[in-house]
Protein backbone atom coordinates (compact mmCIF):
# COMPACT_ATOMS: atom_id res chain seq x y z
CA MET A 1 -16.85 19.87 17.85
CA ASN A 2 -18.79 22.45 15.80
CA ILE A 3 -17.27 23.95 12.64
CA ALA A 4 -18.76 26.99 10.93
CA PRO A 5 -19.69 26.24 7.28
CA TYR A 6 -17.68 29.21 6.00
CA LEU A 7 -14.50 27.69 7.46
CA LEU A 8 -15.08 24.49 5.52
CA GLU A 9 -15.54 26.40 2.30
CA LYS A 10 -12.56 28.67 2.96
CA TYR A 11 -9.96 26.08 3.99
CA ASN A 12 -10.96 22.96 2.03
CA VAL A 13 -8.22 23.49 -0.55
CA PRO A 14 -5.43 21.25 -1.92
CA VAL A 15 -2.53 21.10 0.55
CA PRO A 16 0.27 18.58 1.18
CA ARG A 17 -0.27 15.84 3.75
CA TYR A 18 3.19 16.59 5.18
CA THR A 19 4.07 13.00 5.98
CA SER A 20 7.53 14.21 4.99
CA TYR A 21 9.21 17.50 4.21
CA PRO A 22 9.88 18.12 1.42
CA PRO A 23 6.78 16.16 0.27
CA ALA A 24 7.39 13.11 -1.93
CA ASN A 25 6.26 14.89 -5.10
CA HIS A 26 9.38 17.08 -4.78
CA PHE A 27 11.73 14.11 -5.09
CA ASP A 28 13.85 13.97 -8.25
CA GLU A 29 16.74 11.98 -9.67
CA GLN A 30 19.47 13.77 -7.73
CA VAL A 31 20.02 10.60 -5.62
CA THR A 32 21.14 7.39 -7.35
CA GLY A 33 21.56 3.78 -6.30
CA GLY A 34 25.32 4.15 -6.52
CA GLU A 35 25.24 6.94 -3.95
CA MET A 36 22.95 5.08 -1.57
CA PRO A 37 25.62 3.06 0.32
CA GLU A 38 27.58 6.19 1.18
CA LEU A 39 24.41 8.00 2.28
CA ILE A 40 23.59 5.06 4.55
CA ARG A 41 27.11 5.05 6.01
CA SER A 42 26.89 8.82 6.59
CA SER A 43 23.54 8.38 8.32
CA ASN A 44 25.30 6.40 11.05
CA ASN A 45 26.60 9.76 12.26
CA TRP A 46 23.26 11.57 12.06
CA ALA A 47 20.66 11.79 14.80
CA PRO A 48 18.56 9.98 15.78
CA ASP A 49 20.91 7.02 15.88
CA HIS A 50 18.28 4.33 16.40
CA ILE A 51 16.72 2.64 13.40
CA GLY A 52 13.24 2.23 11.95
CA PHE A 53 12.54 -0.25 9.15
CA TYR A 54 9.69 -0.15 6.65
CA ILE A 55 9.03 -3.21 4.50
CA HIS A 56 6.70 -2.74 1.53
CA ILE A 57 4.64 -5.74 0.43
CA PRO A 58 2.84 -4.47 -2.69
CA PHE A 59 0.56 -7.45 -3.34
CA CYS A 60 -3.22 -7.49 -2.91
CA ARG A 61 -5.65 -10.25 -3.80
CA LYS A 62 -7.75 -7.53 -5.39
CA ILE A 63 -7.52 -3.75 -5.53
CA CYS A 64 -9.97 -1.69 -3.44
CA PHE A 65 -11.41 1.20 -5.44
CA TYR A 66 -10.41 3.80 -2.82
CA CYS A 67 -6.77 2.67 -2.77
CA GLY A 68 -4.09 5.33 -3.17
CA CYS A 69 -1.21 3.05 -2.21
CA ASN A 70 1.49 1.53 -4.36
CA ALA A 71 -0.17 -1.84 -4.80
CA CYS A 72 -0.63 -4.52 -7.45
CA THR A 73 -2.82 -7.59 -7.90
CA LEU A 74 -1.18 -10.82 -6.74
CA LYS A 75 -0.66 -13.02 -9.80
CA SER A 76 1.36 -16.06 -8.76
CA THR A 77 3.25 -17.64 -5.88
CA GLY A 78 6.39 -17.54 -8.01
CA GLU A 79 6.22 -13.76 -8.32
CA VAL A 80 5.86 -13.41 -4.54
CA THR A 81 8.79 -15.74 -3.89
CA GLN A 82 10.99 -13.85 -6.36
CA TYR A 83 10.03 -10.53 -4.78
CA THR A 84 10.64 -11.59 -1.18
CA GLU A 85 14.03 -13.09 -2.09
CA ALA A 86 15.00 -9.76 -3.68
CA LEU A 87 13.73 -7.94 -0.59
CA LYS A 88 15.94 -10.07 1.64
CA GLN A 89 18.90 -9.31 -0.63
CA GLU A 90 18.20 -5.58 -0.23
CA ILE A 91 18.18 -5.98 3.56
CA ARG A 92 21.57 -7.73 3.41
CA LEU A 93 23.07 -4.97 1.24
CA VAL A 94 21.87 -2.22 3.57
CA ALA A 95 23.16 -4.16 6.58
CA LYS A 96 26.70 -3.88 5.20
CA ALA A 97 26.57 -0.07 5.53
CA LEU A 98 24.75 0.30 8.85
CA ASN A 99 26.54 0.40 12.19
CA ARG A 100 25.64 -2.81 14.05
CA SER A 101 25.65 -0.98 17.39
CA ARG A 102 22.55 1.02 16.39
CA LYS A 103 19.32 -0.37 17.81
CA VAL A 104 16.28 -1.20 15.69
CA THR A 105 13.29 0.26 17.55
CA GLN A 106 10.54 -0.01 14.92
CA ILE A 107 9.74 -2.49 12.12
CA HIS A 108 6.64 -1.78 10.06
CA PHE A 109 5.15 -3.93 7.28
CA GLY A 110 2.85 -2.02 4.93
CA GLY A 111 1.48 -2.34 1.44
CA GLY A 112 -0.46 -3.34 -0.48
CA THR A 113 -1.66 -6.07 1.81
CA PRO A 114 1.21 -7.68 3.73
CA ASN A 115 -0.96 -10.59 4.85
CA SER A 116 -1.83 -11.45 1.24
CA ILE A 117 1.39 -13.48 1.15
CA PRO A 118 2.19 -16.58 3.26
CA ALA A 119 2.91 -15.80 6.91
CA GLU A 120 6.08 -17.88 6.69
CA MET A 121 7.55 -15.36 4.22
CA LEU A 122 6.98 -12.50 6.67
CA GLU A 123 8.50 -14.68 9.40
CA GLU A 124 11.65 -15.19 7.27
CA ILE A 125 12.05 -11.43 6.80
CA VAL A 126 11.79 -10.71 10.53
CA ARG A 127 14.25 -13.50 11.35
CA LEU A 128 16.71 -12.08 8.81
CA ILE A 129 16.43 -8.61 10.37
CA ARG A 130 17.12 -10.09 13.79
CA LEU A 131 20.15 -11.88 12.34
CA GLU A 132 21.62 -8.85 10.55
CA PHE A 133 20.83 -6.07 13.05
CA SER A 134 20.57 -5.35 16.78
CA VAL A 135 16.83 -5.34 17.46
CA SER A 136 15.76 -3.71 20.71
CA GLU A 137 13.84 -5.95 23.09
CA ALA A 138 11.21 -3.20 23.23
CA ALA A 139 11.01 -2.79 19.44
CA GLU A 140 7.58 -2.24 17.92
CA ILE A 141 6.99 -4.79 15.16
CA ALA A 142 3.84 -3.74 13.33
CA ILE A 143 1.82 -4.96 10.37
CA GLU A 144 -1.08 -3.56 8.34
CA THR A 145 -3.58 -6.31 7.57
CA ASN A 146 -6.77 -7.00 5.68
CA PRO A 147 -8.89 -9.03 8.13
CA ALA A 148 -10.62 -10.75 5.21
CA TYR A 149 -7.49 -12.91 4.94
CA LEU A 150 -6.69 -13.48 8.62
CA ASP A 151 -7.22 -16.66 10.60
CA GLU A 152 -5.88 -18.10 13.85
CA ALA A 153 -2.95 -19.95 12.25
CA TYR A 154 -1.76 -16.85 10.40
CA LEU A 155 -1.91 -14.72 13.55
CA GLU A 156 -0.10 -17.37 15.60
CA THR A 157 2.80 -17.37 13.14
CA LEU A 158 3.15 -13.59 13.33
CA LEU A 159 2.87 -13.51 17.11
CA GLY A 160 5.42 -16.28 17.37
CA VAL A 161 8.07 -14.27 15.54
CA GLY A 162 7.45 -11.15 17.62
CA PHE A 163 4.81 -9.00 15.90
CA ASN A 164 3.27 -6.87 18.64
CA ARG A 165 1.11 -4.29 16.85
CA PHE A 166 -1.65 -5.26 14.44
CA SER A 167 -3.59 -2.79 12.31
CA PHE A 168 -6.84 -4.32 11.10
CA GLY A 169 -8.08 -2.46 8.02
CA ILE A 170 -11.81 -2.59 8.74
CA GLN A 171 -12.63 0.57 6.69
CA ASP A 172 -16.36 0.20 7.51
CA PHE A 173 -18.58 -2.35 9.22
CA ASP A 174 -21.37 -1.85 6.66
CA PRO A 175 -21.27 -4.72 4.09
CA GLN A 176 -22.82 -2.51 1.39
CA VAL A 177 -20.13 0.16 1.79
CA LEU A 178 -17.48 -2.57 1.47
CA ARG A 179 -19.16 -3.92 -1.68
CA ASN A 180 -19.17 -0.39 -3.12
CA VAL A 181 -15.39 -0.19 -2.77
CA ASN A 182 -14.55 -3.79 -3.82
CA ARG A 183 -13.53 -4.95 -0.35
CA GLU A 184 -14.55 -8.01 1.64
CA PRO A 185 -15.54 -8.03 5.33
CA SER A 186 -13.46 -9.68 8.03
CA LYS A 187 -13.17 -13.45 7.65
CA LEU A 188 -13.61 -13.90 11.41
CA PRO A 189 -15.51 -11.63 13.81
CA VAL A 190 -13.24 -8.69 14.65
CA GLU A 191 -13.72 -9.26 18.37
CA GLN A 192 -12.37 -12.81 17.85
CA LEU A 193 -9.25 -11.47 16.09
CA ILE A 194 -8.60 -9.04 18.94
CA ALA A 195 -9.10 -11.80 21.52
CA MET A 196 -6.62 -14.04 19.67
CA VAL A 197 -3.95 -11.35 19.72
CA LYS A 198 -4.45 -10.52 23.39
CA LYS A 199 -4.55 -14.19 24.42
CA GLU A 200 -1.15 -14.89 22.86
CA ASN A 201 0.44 -11.63 24.01
CA ASP A 202 -1.43 -9.37 26.43
CA GLN A 203 1.12 -6.62 25.71
CA ALA A 204 0.40 -6.65 21.97
CA ALA A 205 -1.65 -3.74 20.62
CA VAL A 206 -4.48 -3.60 18.12
CA ASN A 207 -5.40 -0.71 15.83
CA LEU A 208 -8.70 -0.57 13.95
CA ASP A 209 -8.50 1.51 10.76
CA PHE A 210 -11.48 3.17 9.07
CA ILE A 211 -12.06 5.44 6.08
CA TYR A 212 -14.70 8.15 5.82
CA GLY A 213 -15.90 9.79 2.61
CA LEU A 214 -16.80 6.59 0.71
CA PRO A 215 -19.95 5.90 -1.38
CA GLY A 216 -22.82 4.75 0.82
CA GLN A 217 -21.53 6.47 3.95
CA ASP A 218 -23.19 9.35 5.75
CA LYS A 219 -23.09 10.85 9.21
CA THR A 220 -25.57 8.33 10.65
CA THR A 221 -23.87 5.23 9.25
CA PHE A 222 -20.40 6.42 10.23
CA VAL A 223 -21.44 7.08 13.82
CA ARG A 224 -22.88 3.56 13.91
CA THR A 225 -19.55 2.19 12.69
CA MET A 226 -17.67 4.18 15.35
CA GLU A 227 -20.01 2.89 18.06
CA GLN A 228 -19.31 -0.68 16.94
CA ALA A 229 -15.59 0.07 17.01
CA ILE A 230 -15.71 1.62 20.47
CA ALA A 231 -17.51 -1.45 21.81
CA LEU A 232 -14.50 -3.56 20.75
CA GLN A 233 -12.14 -1.33 22.80
CA PRO A 234 -9.11 -1.40 20.47
CA ASP A 235 -5.93 0.27 21.70
CA ARG A 236 -6.08 2.79 18.86
CA LEU A 237 -8.62 3.83 16.24
CA VAL A 238 -7.72 5.61 13.03
CA THR A 239 -10.23 7.50 10.88
CA PHE A 240 -8.58 8.23 7.53
CA SER A 241 -10.07 10.82 5.22
CA TYR A 242 -10.57 9.29 1.78
CA ALA A 243 -8.10 11.05 -0.54
CA HIS A 244 -9.68 11.35 -3.98
CA VAL A 245 -6.88 11.60 -6.56
CA PRO A 246 -8.30 9.98 -9.74
CA TRP A 247 -5.67 11.73 -11.87
CA LEU A 248 -3.11 9.50 -10.10
CA LYS A 249 -5.25 6.43 -9.38
CA LYS A 250 -7.62 5.79 -12.31
CA HIS A 251 -9.60 3.09 -10.46
CA GLN A 252 -10.91 5.78 -8.09
CA GLN A 253 -13.08 7.06 -10.97
CA ILE A 254 -15.37 4.10 -10.25
CA LEU A 255 -16.30 5.71 -6.93
CA GLU A 256 -17.41 8.90 -8.67
CA LYS A 257 -20.03 6.86 -10.53
CA LYS A 258 -21.22 5.33 -7.26
CA GLY A 259 -21.57 8.78 -5.68
CA LEU A 260 -19.08 10.30 -3.27
CA PRO A 261 -20.32 12.28 -0.25
CA GLY A 262 -19.89 16.03 -0.61
CA PRO A 263 -17.45 18.05 1.54
CA ALA A 264 -20.13 19.04 4.07
CA GLU A 265 -21.33 15.46 4.57
CA LYS A 266 -17.79 14.15 4.72
CA THR A 267 -16.87 16.70 7.38
CA ALA A 268 -20.03 15.83 9.32
CA MET A 269 -18.87 12.20 9.34
CA PHE A 270 -15.50 13.14 10.78
CA LEU A 271 -16.93 15.49 13.41
CA SER A 272 -19.61 13.04 14.55
CA GLY A 273 -17.02 10.26 14.74
CA TYR A 274 -14.66 12.59 16.61
CA ASP A 275 -17.34 13.43 19.17
CA ALA A 276 -18.28 9.76 19.66
CA LEU A 277 -14.66 8.72 20.22
CA VAL A 278 -13.83 11.58 22.58
CA SER A 279 -17.02 10.98 24.55
CA ALA A 280 -15.95 7.34 24.93
CA GLY A 281 -12.65 8.41 26.49
CA TYR A 282 -10.33 8.21 23.47
CA LYS A 283 -7.79 11.03 23.03
CA PRO A 284 -7.30 12.65 19.60
CA ILE A 285 -3.78 12.46 18.19
CA GLY A 286 -2.78 14.47 15.14
CA LEU A 287 -5.16 14.43 12.20
CA ASP A 288 -6.80 11.07 12.50
CA HIS A 289 -5.60 8.89 15.40
CA PHE A 290 -7.52 8.25 18.62
CA VAL A 291 -5.88 6.47 21.55
CA LYS A 292 -6.56 5.53 25.14
CA PRO A 293 -5.21 7.91 27.83
CA GLN A 294 -2.49 5.46 28.90
CA ASP A 295 -1.18 5.10 25.34
CA ASP A 296 2.44 6.13 24.66
CA LEU A 297 1.23 8.45 21.90
CA PHE A 298 -0.95 10.45 24.26
CA GLN A 299 1.83 10.64 26.82
CA ALA A 300 4.16 11.88 24.08
CA LEU A 301 1.61 14.52 23.05
CA GLU A 302 1.26 15.68 26.65
CA ASN A 303 5.05 16.01 26.85
CA LYS A 304 5.26 17.66 23.39
CA GLN A 305 7.36 14.74 22.15
CA LEU A 306 4.97 13.32 19.56
CA HIS A 307 6.55 12.61 16.18
CA ARG A 308 5.64 11.01 12.88
CA ASN A 309 7.13 9.33 9.84
CA PHE A 310 5.64 7.88 6.65
CA GLN A 311 4.15 5.04 8.70
CA GLY A 312 2.18 7.31 11.03
CA TYR A 313 2.39 8.91 14.46
CA CYS A 314 4.97 7.60 16.89
CA THR A 315 7.01 8.61 19.90
CA ARG A 316 10.53 10.00 19.76
CA LYS A 317 11.58 6.80 21.54
CA THR A 318 10.50 4.55 18.66
CA THR A 319 11.25 6.96 15.83
CA GLY A 320 14.67 6.59 14.27
CA GLN A 321 15.89 7.25 10.79
CA VAL A 322 13.79 4.96 8.59
CA TYR A 323 15.41 2.55 6.14
CA ALA A 324 12.83 1.24 3.69
CA PHE A 325 12.77 -1.96 1.62
CA GLY A 326 10.67 -3.03 -1.36
CA ILE A 327 9.28 -1.27 -4.42
CA THR A 328 8.39 2.44 -4.02
CA ALA A 329 9.55 2.31 -0.38
CA ILE A 330 11.01 5.60 0.89
CA SER A 331 14.00 5.71 3.23
CA GLN A 332 13.55 8.70 5.53
CA LEU A 333 17.03 9.74 6.67
CA GLU A 334 17.92 12.88 8.56
CA LYS A 335 19.52 14.55 5.54
CA ALA A 336 18.03 12.68 2.59
CA TYR A 337 14.97 10.85 1.30
CA ILE A 338 15.48 7.97 -1.11
CA GLN A 339 12.71 6.16 -2.98
CA ASN A 340 13.00 2.75 -4.65
CA THR A 341 11.86 1.89 -8.14
CA LYS A 342 8.13 1.31 -8.74
CA SER A 343 8.66 -1.69 -11.02
CA ILE A 344 8.86 -5.19 -9.50
CA ASP A 345 10.82 -6.43 -12.52
CA THR A 346 13.37 -3.60 -12.24
CA TYR A 347 13.58 -4.09 -8.49
CA VAL A 348 14.35 -7.80 -8.81
CA GLU A 349 16.81 -7.26 -11.68
CA GLN A 350 18.77 -4.52 -9.88
CA LEU A 351 19.14 -6.56 -6.72
CA SER A 352 20.17 -9.67 -8.65
CA GLN A 353 23.10 -7.56 -9.91
CA GLY A 354 23.97 -6.42 -6.40
CA ASN A 355 22.64 -2.88 -6.88
CA LEU A 356 20.31 -0.93 -4.60
CA PRO A 357 17.13 -0.20 -6.65
CA VAL A 358 16.88 3.58 -6.19
CA GLU A 359 14.63 5.56 -8.54
CA LYS A 360 14.71 9.06 -7.05
CA GLY A 361 15.17 11.06 -3.90
CA ILE A 362 16.27 14.37 -2.48
CA ARG A 363 19.06 15.67 -0.29
CA VAL A 364 17.54 17.76 2.48
CA SER A 365 19.11 21.21 2.74
CA ALA A 366 19.79 23.02 6.01
CA GLU A 367 16.84 25.32 5.26
CA GLN A 368 14.54 22.37 4.61
CA VAL A 369 15.57 20.80 7.92
CA VAL A 370 14.32 23.96 9.65
CA ILE A 371 11.03 23.97 7.74
CA ARG A 372 10.55 20.24 8.42
CA GLU A 373 11.04 20.71 12.15
CA VAL A 374 8.52 23.55 12.32
CA ILE A 375 5.91 21.66 10.28
CA THR A 376 6.45 18.44 12.27
CA ARG A 377 5.96 20.26 15.57
CA LEU A 378 2.72 21.78 14.32
CA MET A 379 1.38 18.57 12.77
CA CYS A 380 2.22 16.46 15.83
CA ASN A 381 2.13 18.66 18.92
CA ARG A 382 -0.12 21.52 17.77
CA GLU A 383 2.15 24.25 19.01
CA LEU A 384 5.23 26.19 18.04
CA ASP A 385 7.79 27.83 20.32
CA TRP A 386 10.26 29.88 18.27
CA ASN A 387 12.86 29.98 21.02
CA LEU A 388 12.73 26.21 21.53
CA VAL A 389 13.13 25.49 17.81
CA SER A 390 15.90 28.07 17.51
CA GLY A 391 17.80 26.52 20.43
CA GLU A 392 17.43 22.91 19.33
CA LEU A 393 18.41 23.60 15.73
CA GLN A 394 21.06 26.13 16.75
CA VAL A 395 19.72 28.69 14.29
CA ASP A 396 19.38 32.36 15.26
CA LEU A 397 15.78 33.50 15.54
CA PRO A 398 15.98 36.12 12.75
CA GLU A 399 17.54 33.53 10.42
CA LEU A 400 14.93 30.96 11.43
CA LYS A 401 12.01 33.23 10.60
CA GLY A 402 13.71 34.35 7.41
CA ILE A 403 13.71 30.76 6.13
CA LEU A 404 9.96 30.32 6.62
CA ASN A 405 7.04 31.66 4.67
CA ASP A 406 5.89 33.48 7.82
CA ASP A 407 3.09 35.86 6.80
CA PRO A 408 1.75 37.77 9.85
CA LYS A 409 -1.36 38.78 7.92
CA GLN A 410 -2.33 35.18 7.18
CA LEU A 411 -1.60 34.15 10.77
CA ALA A 412 -3.80 36.97 12.02
CA GLU A 413 -6.57 35.86 9.68
CA MET A 414 -6.37 32.28 10.96
CA GLU A 415 -6.39 33.57 14.52
CA ALA A 416 -9.53 35.58 13.77
CA ASP A 417 -11.08 32.41 12.36
CA GLY A 418 -10.38 30.62 15.64
CA LEU A 419 -7.80 28.18 14.27
CA LEU A 420 -4.87 29.28 16.42
CA HIS A 421 -3.69 31.59 19.16
CA ARG A 422 -0.53 33.61 18.71
CA THR A 423 1.64 33.82 21.80
CA GLU A 424 4.69 35.89 22.73
CA HIS A 425 7.04 33.15 21.53
CA GLY A 426 4.99 31.27 18.91
CA LEU A 427 1.50 29.85 18.53
CA THR A 428 -0.84 27.10 19.69
CA VAL A 429 -3.46 25.36 17.56
CA THR A 430 -7.04 25.28 18.81
CA GLU A 431 -9.32 22.26 18.75
CA THR A 432 -11.03 23.72 15.68
CA GLY A 433 -7.64 24.42 14.13
CA SER A 434 -6.62 20.77 14.50
CA LEU A 435 -9.06 19.97 11.69
CA PHE A 436 -7.18 22.43 9.45
CA ILE A 437 -3.66 21.62 10.67
CA ARG A 438 -2.41 20.99 7.12
CA ASN A 439 -3.50 24.50 6.14
CA ILE A 440 -1.69 25.99 9.15
CA ALA A 441 1.48 24.02 8.39
CA ALA A 442 1.40 25.20 4.77
CA LEU A 443 1.82 28.80 5.97
CA PHE A 444 5.41 27.94 6.91
CA ASP A 445 6.22 26.13 3.65
CA PRO A 446 7.87 28.49 1.11
CA ALA A 447 7.52 25.87 -1.63
CA TYR A 448 3.77 25.42 -1.19
CA ARG A 449 1.45 26.36 -4.02
CA GLN A 450 -2.19 25.38 -4.32
CA GLN A 451 -2.26 23.01 -7.29
CA VAL A 452 -5.40 21.00 -7.92
CA ASN A 453 -3.57 18.07 -9.50
CA LYS A 454 -0.74 17.87 -6.98
CA TYR A 455 -2.37 17.48 -3.57
CA SER A 456 -5.65 16.17 -2.18
CA LYS A 457 -7.96 18.63 -0.43
CA SER A 458 -7.49 19.17 3.27
CA LEU A 459 -10.92 17.76 4.21
């Protein structure tokens, strides 16, 4: 893929990532812990009726300098035990309000570093979920891992309790790049980890996750990393753009001193990696995922049924309303988002008193539901059909367009720049436009304003 330099300069501006709509920085205190049980009970009547779970494990053995997650350094076994007991109490409280007939189709452990804590603790959480809820036999049970802390015994425990998707956070194969960002390489050869997973469960899937835009990386080194990744033939590869937000994450300032690649070099990394992966037969999904042609995500994209939540791209089949557990975790319901407290101490204290530890959230208005649907379709399926959206949401076309920040002049300008094609009933995003999909989505967001200290840049 070739991108004209003027496009990079023109569209590399701060825009939301649109992992949710409204974005998380719009959440406020209009939702409280006391209201949460009733919101959960109401959600039993909202579509989709199947359930996704997100479990946040905030602990890391050390903090990587690029990290933008809600994470903390692991201090003691006692702190971990106290936290996981509170987490299990939260699961039990939520179970009281959820309809037992609803099927759990996705369970996702994120962090932090979920595998920084004993595997037996993760096993206990999964067993509790199976006890309290109806888990589909085809449920995806996924975990984000740091391979520096993975061995055969740990993997065997997870596989034994039903984990069937493993994301190995490689970030880069170059030891010097890893040293620059305070991260250790894989404890075992990555090919050995993949072989272990496949030996125990040949239906289990492996993701390899990478980051581009770090100190010590350039186009040549990143292509070499992608070639090493391709040789391992993972089911999915993810190439995350490093999001530099030092005003939110002070430790990222360390990377400025080490020297961050400029926008042109960073884009060259992405494009060269993109070309290498596509040439090897992987299919691009959304902003940063690459999958094999037989993957459910590619089939969903072909059928215009690709979706996403805070945990990443997924199919409509696995995507339900998401109920989230742990500090800072965000429950993603059809008509509300609710985020837990950021403090471990407050989290543990609230749950010890039998209260759900809500810090903030937002009730999603009818207008925001419309905007969310339009942005999701663009971000996931790279096209927009006004008549289809109007019919599915049961909103008249004039009303639908009146809700959106639909500026024909800006759309025409993006079409002239080769980012999209306008059609009789909507628009389609070009291959070039897929790189700037956040910019295109922002056109339909009435609340969007370019604010340097609110969003990371699009590239």
